[in-house]
């Protein structure tokens, strides 16, 4: 019988066992208890991936033990974010208490007649997905906002959404969501990634609840400032210097010989208004790889900040303007150098007639060129809207690994949210800062010279987080933050 070695965390101490290969973690735990006369404590029920009670942390990610096969060197621990009762059993009482606090039942007036309480299949169409929860609590264990703030967590918001959009319920669910700190969520999507049933809590619960909350007057004042910005200038940030798209030296098109691809450049707000050099680098990098660049000067904010914060009215107007522009261009794709813009164009612009590609996708598609050597040490941060919003994480790493002499070191959790997204940086800066501190520590642990990313919002926030961390700890070196195109501009 072939075996693999797995390690089980029992009250803070890892014990190593040989177990048969190709069995589930749940079966492995049963095997250990019977074969080695151990008494490892854990929860489990049906073995069909339906009850959720066997969720535990497996190789640092929440997984169902009944559905996960053992692998050599696997590390098994109790679900994170909860107090441990014993071995792999965690205390779920805080979750159940919170569930009772949100009035987890239909609310309606006693005087309602039966017709008003009747529901039909069509009424539940939009609720089907968020009703498939099996209470495994994986999303709660991994949520950065819950870990670093008093956010109630993804599945609590999913529970509130169940009733908020149920036509029979007349409770003030938007108020409930607001006071359970729905605006602490960074919309990083990690909850969706680890959910065994792949429930899209971010789009179908969090963002819909925020839209309902905003309409009912439950919003953050700082989000109104961002609203004012876009109403004045079609950008979510304030103009500080000549925007990229208003620079007289920036042409409408940059055509190359032996063209491999032709793209329209969607700059996004920060590149246009704050990081003009990043935009210029993107043009040079694309041209160097044989890509012609068209730059529509009348483009506007993609609407991401407003979709994430519930301001759908503004987002819809911006989307219409951009669709009118980009749907009428004769290009192979629209390219972005901002993860948030790219994810919004790909996932929220349902009416688009154009293909959207992140710049790392474009470069890998047309073929990487021979880069100059660059002797520096770097690490890479996966923006949430790139890693989970667009499923792009191999492409940037492939680029980095093709730069001669570049020393690339992965940080502990490269795809952990930096804290900038979902309107949290502007609306709840204390929460954003707490999440960013954890990211800063990971970066400093690599001893890198630079951290590379593909998102201007992440770039800004990580810079702030590194500066705060250095100031707090003292005697630390400066670590720079660069968009990947700024790095490539040095080696083309």
Protein backbone atom coordinates (compact mmCIF):
# COMPACT_ATOMS: atom_id res chain seq x y z
CA UNK A 1 0.00 0.00 0.00
CA UNK A 2 1.42 3.36 -1.02
CA UNK A 3 1.29 6.02 1.67
CA UNK A 4 1.77 9.78 2.07
CA UNK A 5 2.78 11.79 5.11
CA UNK A 6 0.36 14.35 6.52
CA UNK A 7 0.67 16.61 9.55
CA UNK A 8 -2.21 17.29 11.94
CA UNK A 9 -2.24 20.23 14.33
CA UNK A 10 -3.40 19.04 17.74
CA UNK A 11 -3.74 21.97 20.08
CA UNK A 12 -0.73 23.80 18.67
CA UNK A 13 1.53 20.78 18.11
CA UNK A 14 1.90 19.11 14.71
CA UNK A 15 1.88 15.31 14.64
CA UNK A 16 2.97 13.45 11.51
CA UNK A 17 1.27 10.29 10.23
CA UNK A 18 1.56 7.92 7.29
CA UNK A 19 -1.83 7.39 5.62
CA UNK A 20 -2.91 5.64 2.40
CA UNK A 21 -2.68 7.80 -0.68
CA UNK A 22 -5.71 8.87 -2.71
CA UNK A 23 -8.15 8.98 0.21
CA UNK A 24 -9.95 12.02 1.62
CA UNK A 25 -8.72 13.95 4.63
CA UNK A 26 -11.79 12.75 6.52
CA UNK A 27 -10.97 9.13 5.77
CA UNK A 28 -7.34 9.80 6.70
CA UNK A 29 -8.37 11.10 10.12
CA UNK A 30 -10.53 8.00 10.65
CA UNK A 31 -7.59 5.85 9.56
CA UNK A 32 -5.22 7.58 12.00
CA UNK A 33 -7.60 7.09 14.93
CA UNK A 34 -8.11 3.40 14.18
CA UNK A 35 -4.60 2.42 13.04
CA UNK A 36 -2.52 4.46 15.48
CA UNK A 37 -5.03 4.34 18.35
CA UNK A 38 -5.29 8.12 18.40
CA UNK A 39 -8.29 10.11 19.43
CA UNK A 40 -8.13 13.17 17.15
CA UNK A 41 -11.29 15.19 17.65
CA UNK A 42 -13.07 16.60 14.58
CA UNK A 43 -16.55 17.26 13.23
CA UNK A 44 -18.07 15.37 10.32
CA UNK A 45 -21.43 14.05 9.15
CA UNK A 46 -22.58 12.86 5.74
CA UNK A 47 -19.33 12.73 3.67
CA UNK A 48 -21.19 14.18 0.67
CA UNK A 49 -20.05 17.79 0.88
CA UNK A 50 -23.47 18.96 2.03
CA UNK A 51 -23.35 19.54 5.77
CA UNK A 52 -20.22 21.71 6.00
CA UNK A 53 -19.33 20.58 9.52
CA UNK A 54 -16.01 19.00 8.44
CA UNK A 55 -14.50 22.28 7.20
CA UNK A 56 -10.93 22.75 8.41
CA UNK A 57 -7.78 24.54 7.31
CA UNK A 58 -5.90 22.37 4.84
CA UNK A 59 -2.58 23.72 3.55
CA UNK A 60 -3.55 27.16 4.87
CA UNK A 61 -6.89 27.27 3.03
CA UNK A 62 -10.35 26.33 4.36
CA UNK A 63 -11.57 23.11 2.76
CA UNK A 64 -14.11 20.34 3.37
CA UNK A 65 -12.31 17.29 4.73
CA UNK A 66 -14.82 14.98 3.05
CA UNK A 67 -14.04 16.36 -0.41
CA UNK A 68 -10.28 16.99 -0.22
CA UNK A 69 -7.80 14.27 -1.14
CA UNK A 70 -4.65 13.85 0.94
CA UNK A 71 -1.29 14.88 -0.53
CA UNK A 72 2.21 14.24 0.69
CA UNK A 73 3.29 16.91 3.16
CA UNK A 74 -0.27 18.15 3.67
CA UNK A 75 -0.87 20.31 6.73
CA UNK A 76 -4.23 19.99 8.53
CA UNK A 77 -5.35 22.54 11.13
CA UNK A 78 -8.58 23.75 12.72
CA UNK A 79 -10.57 26.44 10.92
CA UNK A 80 -8.89 29.82 11.46
CA UNK A 81 -10.65 32.81 12.98
CA UNK A 82 -12.40 30.83 15.72
CA UNK A 83 -11.50 29.73 19.22
CA UNK A 84 -10.37 26.10 19.36
CA UNK A 85 -12.25 23.67 21.58
CA UNK A 86 -9.96 20.69 20.96
CA UNK A 87 -7.81 19.39 18.10
CA UNK A 88 -9.71 20.25 14.89
CA UNK A 89 -12.97 21.34 16.56
CA UNK A 90 -13.63 25.07 16.72
CA UNK A 91 -16.17 27.00 18.76
CA UNK A 92 -18.98 28.07 16.42
CA UNK A 93 -21.07 29.74 19.14
CA UNK A 94 -20.05 33.28 18.08
CA UNK A 95 -21.50 32.59 14.63
CA UNK A 96 -24.77 31.21 15.99
CA UNK A 97 -25.11 34.16 18.34
CA UNK A 98 -24.61 36.58 15.47
CA UNK A 99 -27.17 34.69 13.37
CA UNK A 100 -29.76 35.12 16.10
CA UNK A 101 -28.95 38.84 16.36
CA UNK A 102 -29.79 39.49 12.70
CA UNK A 103 -33.27 38.01 13.10
CA UNK A 104 -32.71 35.07 10.80
CA UNK A 105 -36.35 34.60 9.90
CA UNK A 106 -39.03 36.23 7.76
CA UNK A 107 -40.35 39.50 9.14
CA UNK A 108 -43.83 40.64 8.18
CA UNK A 109 -46.78 42.38 9.75
CA UNK A 110 -49.36 40.23 11.48
CA UNK A 111 -52.04 41.90 9.39
CA UNK A 112 -50.58 40.73 6.07
CA UNK A 113 -52.98 38.53 4.15
CA UNK A 114 -52.06 35.18 2.66
CA UNK A 115 -51.73 36.56 -0.86
CA UNK A 116 -48.94 38.87 0.23
CA UNK A 117 -47.09 35.93 1.80
CA UNK A 118 -47.36 33.75 -1.28
CA UNK A 119 -44.13 33.19 -3.19
CA UNK A 120 -43.54 31.73 -6.65
CA UNK A 121 -40.45 30.18 -8.29
CA UNK A 122 -39.82 33.32 -10.34
CA UNK A 123 -39.61 35.32 -7.12
CA UNK A 124 -36.75 33.16 -5.90
CA UNK A 125 -34.73 33.10 -9.14
CA UNK A 126 -32.16 35.64 -7.95
CA UNK A 127 -32.01 34.08 -4.49
CA UNK A 128 -31.20 30.52 -5.55
CA UNK A 129 -27.45 30.97 -5.48
CA UNK A 130 -27.19 32.60 -2.08
CA UNK A 131 -29.51 29.99 -0.52
CA UNK A 132 -27.05 27.14 -1.20
CA UNK A 133 -24.89 27.75 1.88
CA UNK A 134 -23.98 24.66 3.94
CA UNK A 135 -22.72 26.62 6.99
CA UNK A 136 -19.14 25.37 6.67
CA UNK A 137 -17.93 28.86 7.78
CA UNK A 138 -14.96 28.70 5.40
CA UNK A 139 -15.69 32.24 4.23
CA UNK A 140 -15.66 33.57 7.80
CA UNK A 141 -12.34 31.90 8.55
CA UNK A 142 -10.54 33.52 5.64
CA UNK A 143 -12.19 36.98 5.46
CA UNK A 144 -9.60 39.75 5.98
CA UNK A 145 -12.21 42.35 6.96
CA UNK A 146 -13.62 40.08 9.66
CA UNK A 147 -10.12 39.33 10.92
CA UNK A 148 -9.07 42.97 11.19
CA UNK A 149 -12.36 44.71 12.04
CA UNK A 150 -15.82 44.22 13.50
CA UNK A 151 -17.28 43.12 10.15
CA UNK A 152 -19.79 40.32 10.72
CA UNK A 153 -18.50 38.40 7.72
CA UNK A 154 -19.60 37.17 4.29
CA UNK A 155 -22.13 34.48 5.18
CA UNK A 156 -23.89 36.80 7.65
CA UNK A 157 -24.37 39.27 4.78
CA UNK A 158 -25.55 36.41 2.62
CA UNK A 159 -28.14 35.55 5.28
CA UNK A 160 -29.35 39.15 5.43
CA UNK A 161 -29.54 39.26 1.61
CA UNK A 162 -31.73 36.15 1.61
CA UNK A 163 -34.42 38.12 3.38
CA UNK A 164 -33.70 41.57 1.94
CA UNK A 165 -34.63 40.34 -1.55
CA UNK A 166 -37.40 37.98 -0.49
CA UNK A 167 -40.70 39.68 -1.47
CA UNK A 168 -42.40 38.34 1.67
CA UNK A 169 -40.01 40.04 4.08
CA UNK A 170 -40.52 43.66 5.12
CA UNK A 171 -37.74 44.06 7.69
CA UNK A 172 -35.18 46.88 7.46
CA UNK A 173 -32.50 44.58 6.11
CA UNK A 174 -30.43 47.39 4.58
CA UNK A 175 -30.25 49.03 8.01
CA UNK A 176 -29.33 45.68 9.52
CA UNK A 177 -26.52 45.24 6.98
CA UNK A 178 -25.24 48.75 7.57
CA UNK A 179 -24.93 48.28 11.32
CA UNK A 180 -23.30 44.89 10.80
CA UNK A 181 -20.59 46.90 8.97
CA UNK A 182 -21.21 45.86 5.39
CA UNK A 183 -18.93 48.70 4.24
CA UNK A 184 -15.95 47.01 5.93
CA UNK A 185 -15.91 44.38 3.17
CA UNK A 186 -13.10 44.93 0.66
CA UNK A 187 -14.95 42.81 -1.95
CA UNK A 188 -11.71 40.83 -2.35
CA UNK A 189 -13.64 37.72 -3.40
CA UNK A 190 -11.70 35.31 -1.20
CA UNK A 191 -15.00 34.12 0.27
CA UNK A 192 -16.17 33.11 -3.21
CA UNK A 193 -12.88 31.34 -3.94
CA UNK A 194 -13.03 29.12 -0.84
CA UNK A 195 -16.79 28.46 -0.87
CA UNK A 196 -17.44 24.74 -1.61
CA UNK A 197 -20.60 25.73 -3.49
CA UNK A 198 -18.97 28.73 -5.20
CA UNK A 199 -21.63 31.14 -3.95
CA UNK A 200 -20.90 34.59 -5.36
CA UNK A 201 -21.41 36.43 -2.08
CA UNK A 202 -19.64 39.56 -3.32
CA UNK A 203 -21.83 40.35 -6.31
CA UNK A 204 -25.09 38.67 -5.30
CA UNK A 205 -25.17 39.68 -1.65
CA UNK A 206 -22.65 42.36 -0.61
CA UNK A 207 -22.92 44.67 -3.63
CA UNK A 208 -26.70 44.24 -3.95
CA UNK A 209 -27.16 45.01 -0.26
CA UNK A 210 -24.94 48.07 -0.58
CA UNK A 211 -27.05 49.30 -3.49
CA UNK A 212 -30.16 48.86 -1.37
CA UNK A 213 -28.48 50.56 1.59
CA UNK A 214 -27.35 53.53 -0.49
CA UNK A 215 -30.85 54.07 -1.84
CA UNK A 216 -32.22 54.03 1.71
CA UNK A 217 -29.66 56.55 2.97
CA UNK A 218 -27.30 54.14 4.71
CA UNK A 219 -23.91 55.06 3.27
CA UNK A 220 -20.52 56.47 4.23
CA UNK A 221 -19.97 60.21 3.85
CA UNK A 222 -16.53 59.72 2.31
CA UNK A 223 -18.11 57.77 -0.53
CA UNK A 224 -20.11 60.88 -1.40
CA UNK A 225 -16.85 62.77 -1.89
CA UNK A 226 -15.84 60.23 -4.53
CA UNK A 227 -19.28 60.70 -6.07
CA UNK A 228 -18.70 64.47 -6.22
CA UNK A 229 -15.37 63.92 -7.98
CA UNK A 230 -16.88 61.84 -10.76
CA UNK A 231 -19.81 64.20 -11.23
CA UNK A 232 -17.35 67.07 -11.75
CA UNK A 233 -14.75 65.40 -13.94
CA UNK A 234 -15.82 61.81 -14.80
CA UNK A 235 -12.93 60.64 -12.61
CA UNK A 236 -13.10 59.20 -9.08
CA UNK A 237 -10.04 61.17 -7.91
CA UNK A 238 -9.17 64.86 -7.90
CA UNK A 239 -6.93 66.28 -10.63
CA UNK A 240 -3.50 67.20 -9.25
CA UNK A 241 -1.52 67.78 -12.45
CA UNK A 242 -2.04 67.59 -16.20
CA UNK A 243 -3.92 64.34 -16.86
CA UNK A 244 -2.40 61.81 -19.23
CA UNK A 245 -5.32 62.16 -21.64
CA UNK A 246 -4.99 65.97 -21.67
CA UNK A 247 -1.22 65.96 -22.20
CA UNK A 248 -0.53 67.55 -25.61
CA UNK A 249 2.44 65.20 -26.03
CA UNK A 250 0.24 62.11 -25.83
CA UNK A 251 -0.94 61.08 -29.29
CA UNK A 252 -4.21 59.43 -30.20
CA UNK A 253 -2.45 56.38 -31.56
CA UNK A 254 0.94 54.67 -31.47
CA UNK A 255 1.21 52.36 -34.48
CA UNK A 256 4.11 49.92 -34.87
CA UNK A 257 5.51 48.13 -37.89
CA UNK A 258 4.94 44.36 -38.09
CA UNK A 259 1.97 44.76 -35.82
CA UNK A 260 1.08 41.66 -33.77
CA UNK A 261 -2.00 43.15 -32.13
CA UNK A 262 -3.88 46.43 -31.96
CA UNK A 263 -5.39 47.50 -28.63
CA UNK A 264 -7.33 50.40 -27.18
CA UNK A 265 -5.80 51.64 -23.93
CA UNK A 266 -8.24 52.01 -21.02
CA UNK A 267 -6.24 54.14 -18.61
CA UNK A 268 -8.44 54.25 -15.52
CA UNK A 269 -8.66 57.17 -13.08
CA UNK A 270 -5.36 56.91 -11.23
CA UNK A 271 -3.20 56.46 -14.32
CA UNK A 272 -4.92 59.38 -16.01
CA UNK A 273 -4.91 61.77 -13.04
CA UNK A 274 -2.06 60.62 -10.77
CA UNK A 275 0.27 58.03 -12.31
CA UNK A 276 0.85 59.48 -15.75
CA UNK A 277 4.35 57.97 -15.96
CA UNK A 278 2.85 54.51 -15.54
CA UNK A 279 0.59 55.18 -18.51
CA UNK A 280 3.52 56.36 -20.63
CA UNK A 281 5.47 53.26 -19.66
CA UNK A 282 2.54 51.07 -20.73
CA UNK A 283 2.54 52.64 -24.21
CA UNK A 284 6.30 52.07 -24.62
CA UNK A 285 6.09 48.50 -23.31
CA UNK A 286 3.21 47.58 -25.62
CA UNK A 287 4.95 49.10 -28.64
CA UNK A 288 8.18 47.25 -27.79
CA UNK A 289 6.24 43.96 -27.92
CA UNK A 290 4.76 44.74 -31.33
CA UNK A 291 1.41 46.03 -30.09
CA UNK A 292 -0.15 49.15 -31.59
CA UNK A 293 -1.98 51.39 -29.12
CA UNK A 294 -5.11 53.49 -29.70
CA UNK A 295 -5.98 55.99 -26.94
CA UNK A 296 -9.58 57.28 -26.84
CA UNK A 297 -9.25 60.64 -25.12
CA UNK A 298 -12.92 60.91 -24.12
CA UNK A 299 -13.03 57.74 -21.98
CA UNK A 300 -14.28 58.03 -18.39
CA UNK A 301 -14.08 56.17 -15.08
CA UNK A 302 -15.05 52.50 -15.43
CA UNK A 303 -17.49 52.86 -12.53
CA UNK A 304 -15.86 50.28 -10.26
CA UNK A 305 -15.77 52.50 -7.13
CA UNK A 306 -19.51 53.07 -7.50
CA UNK A 307 -20.48 49.49 -8.25
CA UNK A 308 -18.55 48.36 -5.16
CA UNK A 309 -20.13 50.98 -2.89
CA UNK A 310 -23.73 50.62 -4.08
CA UNK A 311 -23.95 53.76 -6.22
CA UNK A 312 -25.43 52.02 -9.23
CA UNK A 313 -26.94 55.17 -10.75
CA UNK A 314 -23.51 56.73 -11.31
CA UNK A 315 -21.96 53.44 -12.43
CA UNK A 316 -24.62 52.92 -15.10
CA UNK A 317 -24.06 56.38 -16.60
CA UNK A 318 -20.29 55.88 -16.76
CA UNK A 319 -20.70 52.44 -18.30
CA UNK A 320 -22.96 53.81 -21.04
CA UNK A 321 -20.39 56.47 -21.95
CA UNK A 322 -17.57 53.95 -22.18
CA UNK A 323 -19.62 51.46 -24.16
CA UNK A 324 -20.48 54.16 -26.71
CA UNK A 325 -16.74 54.81 -27.12
CA UNK A 326 -15.13 51.38 -27.02
CA UNK A 327 -17.85 49.43 -28.84
CA UNK A 328 -17.11 51.51 -31.94
CA UNK A 329 -13.35 50.95 -32.13
CA UNK A 330 -11.69 48.61 -34.62
CA UNK A 331 -9.22 46.92 -32.26
CA UNK A 332 -8.34 43.39 -31.21
CA UNK A 333 -8.87 44.15 -27.53
CA UNK A 334 -9.17 46.82 -24.89
CA UNK A 335 -6.12 46.66 -22.60
CA UNK A 336 -6.04 47.65 -18.92
CA UNK A 337 -3.17 48.16 -16.47
CA UNK A 338 -5.49 48.37 -13.48
CA UNK A 339 -6.93 45.17 -12.00
CA UNK A 340 -10.09 46.93 -10.83
CA UNK A 341 -10.80 48.46 -14.23
CA UNK A 342 -10.09 45.17 -15.99
CA UNK A 343 -12.38 43.17 -13.72
CA UNK A 344 -15.16 45.74 -14.09
CA UNK A 345 -14.94 45.85 -17.87
CA UNK A 346 -14.83 42.04 -18.09
CA UNK A 347 -17.51 41.20 -15.56
CA UNK A 348 -19.83 44.19 -15.27
CA UNK A 349 -19.94 45.47 -18.85
CA UNK A 350 -22.29 42.73 -20.04
CA UNK A 351 -23.28 44.71 -23.15
CA UNK A 352 -19.72 45.15 -24.43
CA UNK A 353 -18.80 44.19 -27.99
CA UNK A 354 -15.06 44.17 -27.35
CA UNK A 355 -12.57 41.83 -25.73
CA UNK A 356 -10.87 43.00 -22.52
CA UNK A 357 -7.32 41.94 -21.65
CA UNK A 358 -4.98 42.78 -18.81
CA UNK A 359 -1.61 43.98 -20.09
CA UNK A 360 0.08 40.82 -18.77
CA UNK A 361 -2.35 38.76 -20.88
CA UNK A 362 -1.53 40.81 -23.96
CA UNK A 363 2.24 40.47 -23.54
CA UNK A 364 2.06 36.72 -22.99
CA UNK A 365 -0.25 36.37 -25.99
CA UNK A 366 1.95 38.22 -28.48
CA UNK A 367 5.14 36.71 -27.03
CA UNK A 368 7.66 38.07 -24.56
CA UNK A 369 10.77 39.75 -25.93
CA UNK A 370 14.37 39.45 -24.76
CA UNK A 371 14.67 41.71 -21.73
CA UNK A 372 17.76 43.46 -20.38
CA UNK A 373 19.18 42.06 -17.11
CA UNK A 374 18.08 43.76 -13.92
CA UNK A 375 19.84 42.78 -10.71
CA UNK A 376 17.23 43.54 -8.04
CA UNK A 377 15.17 41.47 -5.62
CA UNK A 378 11.40 41.68 -6.05
CA UNK A 379 8.21 40.13 -4.73
CA UNK A 380 4.77 40.20 -6.34
CA UNK A 381 1.36 41.17 -4.92
CA UNK A 382 -1.70 39.62 -6.58
CA UNK A 383 -4.45 42.25 -6.79
CA UNK A 384 -7.78 40.71 -5.78
CA UNK A 385 -9.50 41.95 -8.93
CA UNK A 386 -6.78 40.31 -11.04
CA UNK A 387 -6.26 37.03 -9.17
CA UNK A 388 -9.89 36.32 -8.37
CA UNK A 389 -11.74 38.83 -10.55
CA UNK A 390 -9.95 37.79 -13.73
CA UNK A 391 -8.19 34.51 -12.81
CA UNK A 392 -4.84 36.02 -13.83
CA UNK A 393 -1.82 35.08 -11.76
CA UNK A 394 0.42 32.92 -13.98
CA UNK A 395 0.94 35.60 -16.65
CA UNK A 396 2.63 38.26 -14.47
CA UNK A 397 4.88 35.66 -12.88
CA UNK A 398 5.89 34.36 -16.28
CA UNK A 399 6.97 37.87 -17.25
CA UNK A 400 8.94 38.40 -14.05
CA UNK A 401 10.72 35.06 -14.38
CA UNK A 402 11.86 35.99 -17.90
CA UNK A 403 13.84 39.06 -16.78
CA UNK A 404 17.54 38.07 -16.50
CA UNK A 405 19.18 38.42 -13.05
CA UNK A 406 15.89 39.41 -11.43
CA UNK A 407 15.50 37.65 -8.08
CA UNK A 408 11.84 36.81 -7.57
CA UNK A 409 10.69 35.81 -4.07
CA UNK A 410 7.09 34.89 -3.30
CA UNK A 411 5.73 36.42 -0.13
CA UNK A 412 3.81 34.31 2.41
CA UNK A 413 0.34 34.95 0.95
CA UNK A 414 0.74 36.93 -2.28
CA UNK A 415 -2.99 37.02 -2.96
CA UNK A 416 -4.08 38.30 0.45
CA UNK A 417 -6.04 41.54 0.04
CA UNK A 418 -4.01 44.68 0.75
CA UNK A 419 -7.09 46.47 2.11
CA UNK A 420 -7.57 49.07 -0.63
CA UNK A 421 -10.64 47.70 -2.41
CA UNK A 422 -14.40 47.83 -2.06
CA UNK A 423 -14.41 51.50 -1.06
CA UNK A 424 -12.75 50.60 2.27
CA UNK A 425 -9.66 52.77 1.75
CA UNK A 426 -11.82 55.86 1.33
CA UNK A 427 -14.73 54.89 3.59
CA UNK A 428 -13.11 52.96 6.44
CA UNK A 429 -9.41 53.97 6.45
CA UNK A 430 -8.77 52.37 9.85
CA UNK A 431 -9.90 48.98 8.53
CA UNK A 432 -7.93 49.44 5.33
CA UNK A 433 -4.83 50.33 7.33
CA UNK A 434 -5.15 47.27 9.59
CA UNK A 435 -5.40 44.90 6.63
CA UNK A 436 -2.54 46.73 4.88
CA UNK A 437 -0.26 46.29 7.90
CA UNK A 438 -0.42 42.50 7.51
CA UNK A 439 0.48 42.82 3.83
CA UNK A 440 3.38 45.15 4.66
CA UNK A 441 4.82 42.59 7.11
CA UNK A 442 4.66 39.88 4.45
CA UNK A 443 6.53 42.12 2.03
CA UNK A 444 9.21 43.07 4.55
CA UNK A 445 9.68 39.39 5.43
CA UNK A 446 10.90 38.78 1.85
CA UNK A 447 13.60 41.47 2.14
CA UNK A 448 12.72 42.51 -1.42
CA UNK A 449 13.87 45.77 -2.96
CA UNK A 450 10.54 46.27 -4.73
CA UNK A 451 7.02 44.86 -4.68
CA UNK A 452 5.43 44.58 -8.11
CA UNK A 453 1.69 44.67 -8.82
CA UNK A 454 -0.79 45.43 -11.62
CA UNK A 455 -3.16 47.79 -9.84
CA UNK A 456 -2.69 51.51 -9.12
CA UNK A 457 -5.03 51.34 -6.10
CA UNK A 458 -2.98 48.51 -4.61
CA UNK A 459 0.19 50.43 -5.50
CA UNK A 460 -0.94 53.52 -3.59
CA UNK A 461 -2.17 51.61 -0.59
CA UNK A 462 0.83 49.29 -0.31
CA UNK A 463 3.15 52.33 -0.42
CA UNK A 464 1.23 53.85 2.48
CA UNK A 465 1.22 50.54 4.38
CA UNK A 466 4.97 50.05 3.93
CA UNK A 467 5.68 53.60 5.10
CA UNK A 468 3.50 53.15 8.20
CA UNK A 469 5.09 49.78 8.97
CA UNK A 470 8.60 51.19 8.61
CA UNK A 471 7.74 54.16 10.83
CA UNK A 472 6.28 51.86 13.48
CA UNK A 473 9.10 49.31 13.47
CA UNK A 474 12.02 51.64 12.69
CA UNK A 475 15.40 50.71 11.24
CA UNK A 476 13.93 49.15 8.10
CA UNK A 477 14.99 49.72 4.52
CA UNK A 478 12.82 51.44 1.94
CA UNK A 479 10.90 49.06 -0.31
CA UNK A 480 9.60 50.50 -3.56
CA UNK A 481 6.26 49.69 -5.19
CA UNK A 482 5.91 49.49 -8.97
CA UNK A 483 3.31 48.59 -11.55
CA UNK A 484 4.69 45.78 -13.69
CA UNK A 485 4.81 48.10 -16.71
CA UNK A 486 7.13 50.48 -14.84
CA UNK A 487 9.46 47.54 -14.23
CA UNK A 488 9.28 46.41 -17.84
CA UNK A 489 10.03 49.94 -19.05
CA UNK A 490 13.46 49.54 -17.41
CA UNK A 491 14.32 46.33 -19.29
CA UNK A 492 12.88 46.72 -22.82
